[in-house]
Amino acid sequence: MPWSNQSGGGGGGGGGKGPWGGGGGQQSPDIEEMIRRGQEKMKQFVPGGGAGGGRIAIVLVFLAVLGWAATGTYTVSPDEQGVELRFGRWVGTTGSGLHWNLPAPFGEVMKPKVTQVNNTDIGFRGAADSRTRASVRTDKPEESLILTGDQNIVDIDFTVQWKIKDAGQYLFNIRDPDATVKIAAESAMREVVGQVAFDWAVQGEGRGDIQMRTRQLLQDILDTYEAGIEVREVQLQQSDPPKDVIDAFNDVQRARQDKEKLQNEAQAYANSIVPEARGLSEQMVQQATAYREQQIKEAEGEAQRFLSVYDAYRVAPEVTRRRMYLETMGGVLSGANKVIIDKGAGGSGVVPYLPLPEIQRRASQPAAAQ
């Protein structure tokens, strides 16, 4: 090599020079000299030099570390949750307010909106027409056609409204929140509808029951996933028979309505006739009861009168017989047409057998006519 020892004159301890000069063997660079020169150049940039410059450097380093630590301060809004990450791992969730986490690159904070209500449509898709700006509805029969408990098929479109309940679980326990909610909601709806009859699924009262049961079942499924999602509401947008049989279904519904109408009319007629008949029957019963009471009272009165007459007869038989005779003759003669001729007249001027009552009746007819 160029700096190899040259042979000449001496033995093994010849005086060759290395690449940095000097005699003898190879020599390394002067490290202490290099450090000294670097310190001199540093003193040119740090005022004061010497020990004072070292203290200033320490202060500068401390301020730099303090500024770096201050970057870990963050604020969470009332509609957010703070998800703290350290070395890429979720370590905690914070609420609204001022907080601190290990700054980057060792720490990170994610702040998703937790009050925003999200909508997931199942059975249909809605989009706005760019020309008319009207909502265009696209049906998804593979999602909306559901088998009921009585082996019929119903076409159900519904919307799930949900929001974030736990931001940490929402970000790290499920990969695709929208797809998870959609699949779980479709499964819950199929389970609920599969337990009810077709008529219950398409009626107003049944629709409300299906919405409530589906929301509860969907919430239970998401809680088992620890998805950090709260289901606010399940809204049925449509619950009808399939389009292929809807005309026949409408005919059946109209027939049922006619049946109910006739039943209501018959019930109204029965409600008007039955009370009247019951009133008449009650009136007849009351009249019969009154007649029975009347006859009983009259019989009791006759019996009492007979007993009183018998008691009087026992006391004075002759007087009682005469009184009974007179009362009987009075009752017989009270309704007869009588002509009384005074004995003093002696019958003078009166033919004994002349029908005087008939003559009086004929005489009174012309007078009445006039």
Protein backbone atom coordinates (compact mmCIF):
# COMPACT_ATOMS: atom_id res chain seq x y z
CA MET A 1 0.00 0.00 0.00
CA PRO A 2 1.20 3.60 -0.49
CA TRP A 3 1.75 4.05 3.22
CA SER A 4 3.50 0.79 3.79
CA ASN A 5 6.91 0.92 5.47
CA GLN A 6 9.78 1.38 2.98
CA SER A 7 12.79 -0.87 3.35
CA GLY A 8 16.16 0.73 3.62
CA GLY A 9 18.89 1.12 6.02
CA GLY A 10 17.46 -0.30 9.13
CA GLY A 11 16.04 -3.57 10.22
CA GLY A 12 12.56 -4.24 11.33
CA GLY A 13 12.32 -0.92 13.22
CA GLY A 14 12.89 1.20 10.13
CA GLY A 15 11.66 4.78 10.10
CA GLY A 16 8.88 4.61 7.46
CA LYS A 17 5.98 7.13 7.58
CA GLY A 18 2.30 6.40 7.62
CA PRO A 19 -0.43 8.34 5.77
CA TRP A 20 -0.71 11.02 8.50
CA GLY A 21 3.04 11.50 8.59
CA GLY A 22 5.34 10.69 11.45
CA GLY A 23 7.73 7.92 11.79
CA GLY A 24 7.29 4.42 12.94
CA GLY A 25 3.96 2.49 12.58
CA GLN A 26 0.43 3.67 11.61
CA GLN A 27 -1.24 6.47 13.72
CA SER A 28 -5.00 7.18 14.13
CA PRO A 29 -6.50 10.71 13.84
CA ASP A 30 -6.29 12.93 16.90
CA ILE A 31 -9.83 12.52 18.35
CA GLU A 32 -9.28 14.93 21.20
CA GLU A 33 -8.20 17.60 18.72
CA MET A 34 -11.35 17.10 16.72
CA ILE A 35 -13.56 17.40 19.86
CA ARG A 36 -11.74 20.53 20.89
CA ARG A 37 -12.26 22.13 17.52
CA GLY A 38 -15.98 21.23 17.62
CA GLN A 39 -16.36 22.85 21.03
CA GLU A 40 -14.71 26.00 19.78
CA LYS A 41 -17.10 26.18 16.86
CA MET A 42 -20.08 25.61 19.23
CA LYS A 43 -18.93 28.46 21.46
CA GLN A 44 -19.18 30.75 18.45
CA PHE A 45 -22.95 30.06 18.30
CA VAL A 46 -23.64 30.01 22.08
CA PRO A 47 -23.06 33.42 23.68
CA GLY A 48 -21.11 33.50 26.88
CA GLY A 49 -19.21 30.29 26.17
CA GLY A 50 -17.79 28.02 28.81
CA ALA A 51 -19.92 26.67 31.67
CA GLY A 52 -22.62 29.28 31.13
CA GLY A 53 -23.20 28.02 27.60
CA GLY A 54 -23.76 24.49 28.90
CA ARG A 55 -26.49 25.66 31.27
CA ILE A 56 -28.25 27.52 28.48
CA ALA A 57 -28.16 24.40 26.34
CA ILE A 58 -29.80 22.42 29.15
CA VAL A 59 -32.52 25.08 29.47
CA LEU A 60 -33.13 24.99 25.74
CA VAL A 61 -33.41 21.21 25.83
CA PHE A 62 -35.84 21.42 28.79
CA LEU A 63 -37.98 23.99 26.99
CA ALA A 64 -38.06 21.80 23.91
CA VAL A 65 -39.19 18.80 25.95
CA LEU A 66 -41.80 20.94 27.72
CA GLY A 67 -43.15 22.21 24.39
CA TRP A 68 -43.32 18.66 23.07
CA ALA A 69 -45.23 17.52 26.16
CA ALA A 70 -47.65 20.44 25.78
CA THR A 71 -48.67 19.13 22.36
CA GLY A 72 -50.34 16.22 24.17
CA THR A 73 -53.08 18.51 25.53
CA TYR A 74 -56.38 18.16 23.67
CA THR A 75 -60.01 19.30 24.03
CA VAL A 76 -63.10 17.12 23.59
CA SER A 77 -66.34 18.83 22.52
CA PRO A 78 -69.71 17.94 24.14
CA ASP A 79 -70.73 15.99 21.04
CA GLU A 80 -67.51 13.95 20.98
CA GLN A 81 -65.63 11.29 22.92
CA GLY A 82 -61.85 11.15 23.12
CA VAL A 83 -60.19 7.81 22.37
CA GLU A 84 -56.59 7.78 23.64
CA LEU A 85 -53.99 5.64 21.87
CA ARG A 86 -50.47 4.92 23.15
CA PHE A 87 -48.10 3.15 20.82
CA GLY A 88 -51.15 2.36 18.65
CA ARG A 89 -53.13 0.68 21.45
CA TRP A 90 -56.45 1.92 22.87
CA VAL A 91 -55.88 2.78 26.55
CA GLY A 92 -58.97 4.81 27.52
CA THR A 93 -61.97 6.93 26.58
CA THR A 94 -62.52 10.49 27.82
CA GLY A 95 -65.55 12.76 27.92
CA SER A 96 -65.93 16.42 27.07
CA GLY A 97 -63.35 18.85 28.47
CA LEU A 98 -59.56 19.39 28.54
CA HIS A 99 -57.35 16.28 28.70
CA TRP A 100 -53.74 15.20 28.15
CA ASN A 101 -52.26 12.20 26.40
CA LEU A 102 -48.74 11.17 25.48
CA PRO A 103 -47.80 13.34 22.47
CA ALA A 104 -46.94 12.10 19.01
CA PRO A 105 -45.30 9.96 17.83
CA PHE A 106 -45.97 7.84 20.91
CA GLY A 107 -49.59 8.85 21.50
CA GLU A 108 -52.65 9.77 19.44
CA VAL A 109 -56.23 10.92 20.15
CA MET A 110 -59.29 10.17 18.01
CA LYS A 111 -62.50 12.17 18.58
CA PRO A 112 -65.56 10.71 16.78
CA LYS A 113 -68.97 12.38 16.96
CA VAL A 114 -71.18 10.49 19.44
CA THR A 115 -74.39 12.56 19.22
CA GLN A 116 -74.83 12.30 15.47
CA VAL A 117 -77.74 10.00 14.54
CA ASN A 118 -76.96 7.67 11.65
CA ASN A 119 -79.53 5.98 9.39
CA THR A 120 -79.16 2.51 7.90
CA ASP A 121 -81.76 1.45 5.31
CA ILE A 122 -82.68 -2.21 4.86
CA GLY A 123 -84.81 -3.38 1.95
CA PHE A 124 -84.38 -0.24 -0.12
CA ARG A 125 -81.91 2.45 -1.05
CA GLY A 126 -82.69 6.13 -1.43
CA ALA A 127 -80.80 8.56 -3.64
CA ALA A 128 -81.41 12.04 -5.02
CA ASP A 129 -81.97 12.53 -8.75
CA SER A 130 -79.39 14.99 -10.06
CA ARG A 131 -81.84 16.48 -12.56
CA THR A 132 -85.08 16.72 -10.61
CA ARG A 133 -83.52 16.68 -7.11
CA ALA A 134 -86.26 14.26 -6.09
CA SER A 135 -85.66 11.20 -3.97
CA VAL A 136 -85.37 7.99 -5.99
CA ARG A 137 -86.22 4.78 -4.13
CA THR A 138 -84.65 1.51 -5.22
CA ASP A 139 -86.13 -1.72 -3.88
CA LYS A 140 -83.88 -4.54 -2.64
CA PRO A 141 -86.08 -7.66 -2.61
CA GLU A 142 -83.26 -9.89 -1.38
CA GLU A 143 -83.36 -7.87 1.86
CA SER A 144 -87.06 -7.01 2.17
CA LEU A 145 -88.85 -10.32 1.44
CA ILE A 146 -89.34 -12.10 4.78
CA LEU A 147 -91.15 -15.34 5.64
CA THR A 148 -93.84 -14.98 8.34
CA GLY A 149 -94.86 -17.48 10.98
CA ASP A 150 -97.85 -18.74 8.95
CA GLN A 151 -95.71 -19.52 5.87
CA ASN A 152 -96.54 -16.31 3.97
CA ILE A 153 -94.16 -13.72 2.55
CA VAL A 154 -94.24 -10.04 3.46
CA ASP A 155 -92.28 -7.19 1.87
CA ILE A 156 -90.81 -5.04 4.66
CA ASP A 157 -88.61 -1.95 4.24
CA PHE A 158 -87.30 -0.33 7.39
CA THR A 159 -84.71 2.14 8.67
CA VAL A 160 -82.50 1.81 11.75
CA GLN A 161 -81.48 4.99 13.57
CA TRP A 162 -78.39 4.60 15.73
CA LYS A 163 -75.55 6.56 17.31
CA ILE A 164 -72.21 5.86 18.98
CA LYS A 165 -72.48 4.86 22.63
CA ASP A 166 -68.84 3.95 23.36
CA ALA A 167 -66.31 5.43 20.92
CA GLY A 168 -63.51 3.02 21.84
CA GLN A 169 -65.61 -0.10 21.23
CA TYR A 170 -67.03 1.46 18.07
CA LEU A 171 -63.57 2.12 16.60
CA PHE A 172 -61.74 -1.05 17.59
CA ASN A 173 -64.26 -3.89 18.15
CA ILE A 174 -66.01 -3.80 14.75
CA ARG A 175 -64.45 -3.28 11.35
CA ASP A 176 -67.42 -1.88 9.37
CA PRO A 177 -70.10 -0.33 11.62
CA ASP A 178 -72.64 0.33 8.84
CA ALA A 179 -72.40 -3.21 7.49
CA THR A 180 -72.56 -4.66 11.01
CA VAL A 181 -75.72 -2.71 11.87
CA LYS A 182 -77.30 -3.64 8.54
CA ILE A 183 -76.64 -7.38 8.85
CA ALA A 184 -77.66 -7.52 12.52
CA ALA A 185 -80.85 -5.51 11.86
CA GLU A 186 -81.86 -7.74 8.95
CA SER A 187 -81.29 -10.83 11.10
CA ALA A 188 -83.32 -9.38 14.01
CA MET A 189 -86.21 -8.41 11.73
CA ARG A 190 -86.35 -11.88 10.16
CA GLU A 191 -86.42 -13.49 13.59
CA VAL A 192 -89.25 -11.27 14.84
CA VAL A 193 -91.40 -11.50 11.68
CA GLY A 194 -90.87 -15.26 11.56
CA GLN A 195 -92.76 -15.52 14.86
CA VAL A 196 -95.91 -13.60 13.86
CA ALA A 197 -98.74 -14.13 11.37
CA PHE A 198 -98.99 -12.33 8.05
CA ASP A 199 -102.02 -10.24 9.05
CA TRP A 200 -100.25 -9.07 12.22
CA ALA A 201 -97.20 -8.01 10.19
CA VAL A 202 -99.17 -5.73 7.85
CA GLN A 203 -101.58 -4.20 10.38
CA GLY A 204 -100.98 -0.98 12.28
CA GLU A 205 -100.95 -2.50 15.75
CA GLY A 206 -98.71 -5.34 14.62
CA ARG A 207 -96.27 -2.95 12.93
CA GLY A 208 -95.71 -1.09 16.18
CA ASP A 209 -95.09 -4.33 18.06
CA ILE A 210 -92.60 -5.51 15.41
CA GLN A 211 -90.68 -2.22 15.58
CA MET A 212 -90.34 -2.40 19.38
CA ARG A 213 -89.29 -6.07 19.45
CA THR A 214 -86.80 -5.65 16.60
CA ARG A 215 -85.14 -2.64 18.26
CA GLN A 216 -84.67 -4.55 21.53
CA LEU A 217 -83.34 -7.67 19.80
CA LEU A 218 -80.95 -5.62 17.63
CA GLN A 219 -79.62 -3.81 20.70
CA ASP A 220 -78.98 -7.13 22.42
CA ILE A 221 -77.07 -8.42 19.38
CA LEU A 222 -74.87 -5.33 19.16
CA ASP A 223 -74.19 -5.45 22.90
CA THR A 224 -72.93 -9.03 22.55
CA TYR A 225 -70.58 -7.77 19.84
CA GLU A 226 -69.47 -4.92 22.18
CA ALA A 227 -69.98 -2.65 19.19
CA GLY A 228 -70.43 0.53 21.25
CA ILE A 229 -73.62 1.39 19.32
CA GLU A 230 -76.98 2.51 20.73
CA VAL A 231 -80.08 1.76 18.63
CA ARG A 232 -82.40 4.75 18.88
CA GLU A 233 -85.32 3.56 16.78
CA VAL A 234 -86.46 1.05 14.15
CA GLN A 235 -88.96 2.56 11.68
CA LEU A 236 -91.01 0.44 9.27
CA GLN A 237 -91.20 2.32 5.98
CA GLN A 238 -93.32 -0.33 4.26
CA SER A 239 -95.01 -3.57 5.31
CA ASP A 240 -97.05 -4.94 2.41
CA PRO A 241 -97.57 -8.15 0.48
CA PRO A 242 -95.15 -8.81 -2.41
CA LYS A 243 -95.94 -6.90 -5.61
CA ASP A 244 -96.88 -10.10 -7.47
CA VAL A 245 -99.83 -10.82 -5.18
CA ILE A 246 -100.80 -7.36 -3.93
CA ASP A 247 -103.93 -7.19 -6.16
CA ALA A 248 -105.28 -10.45 -4.74
CA PHE A 249 -104.42 -9.23 -1.25
CA ASN A 250 -106.37 -6.02 -1.83
CA ASP A 251 -109.40 -8.06 -2.96
CA VAL A 252 -109.21 -10.09 0.22
CA GLN A 253 -108.97 -6.93 2.29
CA ARG A 254 -112.02 -5.42 0.57
CA ALA A 255 -113.97 -8.63 1.20
CA ARG A 256 -113.00 -8.50 4.85
CA GLN A 257 -114.10 -4.90 5.07
CA ASP A 258 -117.49 -5.79 3.53
CA LYS A 259 -117.81 -8.65 5.99
CA GLU A 260 -117.07 -6.36 8.91
CA LYS A 261 -119.54 -3.80 7.56
CA LEU A 262 -122.36 -6.35 7.35
CA GLN A 263 -121.50 -7.69 10.79
CA ASN A 264 -121.64 -4.18 12.21
CA GLU A 265 -125.01 -3.51 10.57
CA ALA A 266 -126.41 -6.79 11.90
CA GLN A 267 -125.06 -6.01 15.34
CA ALA A 268 -126.62 -2.54 15.22
CA TYR A 269 -130.01 -4.05 14.23
CA ALA A 270 -129.71 -6.61 17.02
CA ASN A 271 -128.83 -3.85 19.46
CA SER A 272 -132.03 -1.99 18.50
CA ILE A 273 -134.40 -5.00 18.48
CA VAL A 274 -133.21 -6.99 21.45
CA PRO A 275 -133.61 -4.18 24.03
CA GLU A 276 -137.12 -3.45 22.70
CA ALA A 277 -138.12 -7.11 22.98
CA ARG A 278 -136.64 -7.27 26.44
CA GLY A 279 -138.62 -4.18 27.40
CA LEU A 280 -141.88 -5.67 26.11
CA SER A 281 -141.24 -8.93 27.91
CA GLU A 282 -140.49 -7.07 31.11
CA GLN A 283 -143.70 -5.05 30.68
CA MET A 284 -145.75 -8.21 30.24
CA VAL A 285 -144.16 -9.76 33.28
CA GLN A 286 -144.90 -6.68 35.34
CA GLN A 287 -148.53 -6.59 34.11
CA ALA A 288 -148.98 -10.26 34.98
CA THR A 289 -147.47 -9.67 38.37
CA ALA A 290 -149.79 -6.70 38.96
CA TYR A 291 -152.85 -8.73 37.86
CA ARG A 292 -151.85 -11.56 40.17
CA GLU A 293 -151.47 -9.17 43.08
CA GLN A 294 -154.82 -7.57 42.24
CA GLN A 295 -156.64 -10.90 42.19
CA ILE A 296 -155.02 -11.98 45.40
CA LYS A 297 -155.95 -8.75 47.13
CA GLU A 298 -159.55 -8.91 45.84
CA ALA A 299 -159.89 -12.53 46.96
CA GLU A 300 -158.52 -11.65 50.36
CA GLY A 301 -160.96 -8.72 50.55
CA GLU A 302 -163.93 -10.91 49.57
CA ALA A 303 -162.93 -13.47 52.12
CA GLN A 304 -162.60 -10.82 54.77
CA ARG A 305 -166.00 -9.34 53.83
CA PHE A 306 -167.59 -12.78 54.01
CA LEU A 307 -166.10 -13.35 57.42
CA SER A 308 -167.34 -9.98 58.63
CA VAL A 309 -170.85 -10.74 57.31
CA TYR A 310 -170.73 -14.15 58.95
CA ASP A 311 -169.75 -12.60 62.26
CA ALA A 312 -172.63 -10.11 61.94
CA TYR A 313 -175.05 -12.91 61.03
CA ARG A 314 -174.08 -14.82 64.10
CA VAL A 315 -174.90 -11.81 66.24
CA ALA A 316 -178.23 -10.78 64.50
CA PRO A 317 -179.38 -13.30 61.89
CA GLU A 318 -182.71 -11.63 60.99
CA VAL A 319 -181.23 -8.21 60.52
CA THR A 320 -178.38 -9.62 58.51
CA ARG A 321 -180.71 -11.62 56.23
CA ARG A 322 -182.84 -8.58 55.54
CA ARG A 323 -179.84 -6.38 54.84
CA MET A 324 -178.43 -9.00 52.47
CA TYR A 325 -181.81 -9.19 50.69
CA LEU A 326 -182.00 -5.47 50.28
CA GLU A 327 -178.42 -5.22 49.03
CA THR A 328 -179.02 -8.01 46.54
CA MET A 329 -182.26 -6.49 45.21
CA GLY A 330 -180.57 -3.12 45.00
CA GLY A 331 -177.83 -4.61 42.86
CA VAL A 332 -180.34 -6.41 40.62
CA LEU A 333 -182.74 -3.50 40.16
CA SER A 334 -180.10 -0.80 39.88
CA GLY A 335 -179.65 -1.42 36.17
CA ALA A 336 -183.34 -1.98 35.29
CA ASN A 337 -185.62 0.65 33.69
CA LYS A 338 -188.25 1.24 36.33
CA VAL A 339 -191.60 3.03 36.37
CA ILE A 340 -192.95 3.76 39.86
CA ILE A 341 -196.70 4.45 40.26
CA ASP A 342 -197.81 5.96 43.48
CA LYS A 343 -200.41 3.98 45.37
CA GLY A 344 -202.42 7.12 45.94
CA ALA A 345 -203.05 7.45 42.25
CA GLY A 346 -204.78 4.09 42.47
CA GLY A 347 -203.86 3.40 38.96
CA SER A 348 -206.39 5.90 37.64
CA GLY A 349 -205.72 6.82 34.05
CA VAL A 350 -203.06 4.15 33.76
CA VAL A 351 -203.60 0.99 31.84
CA PRO A 352 -202.15 -1.77 34.01
CA TYR A 353 -200.16 -3.46 31.27
CA LEU A 354 -199.19 -0.44 29.15
CA PRO A 355 -195.46 -0.53 28.22
CA LEU A 356 -194.60 2.86 29.63
CA PRO A 357 -190.75 2.53 29.26
CA GLU A 358 -191.04 1.85 25.52
CA ILE A 359 -193.39 4.81 25.10
CA GLN A 360 -190.90 7.05 26.91
CA ARG A 361 -188.01 5.85 24.71
CA ARG A 362 -189.90 6.51 21.47
CA ALA A 363 -190.98 9.92 22.70
CA SER A 364 -187.40 10.89 23.49
CA GLN A 365 -186.04 10.01 20.01
CA PRO A 366 -187.83 12.86 18.08
CA ALA A 367 -186.74 15.32 20.73
CA ALA A 368 -183.13 14.22 20.38
CA ALA A 369 -183.36 14.49 16.60
CA GLN A 370 -184.64 18.06 16.78
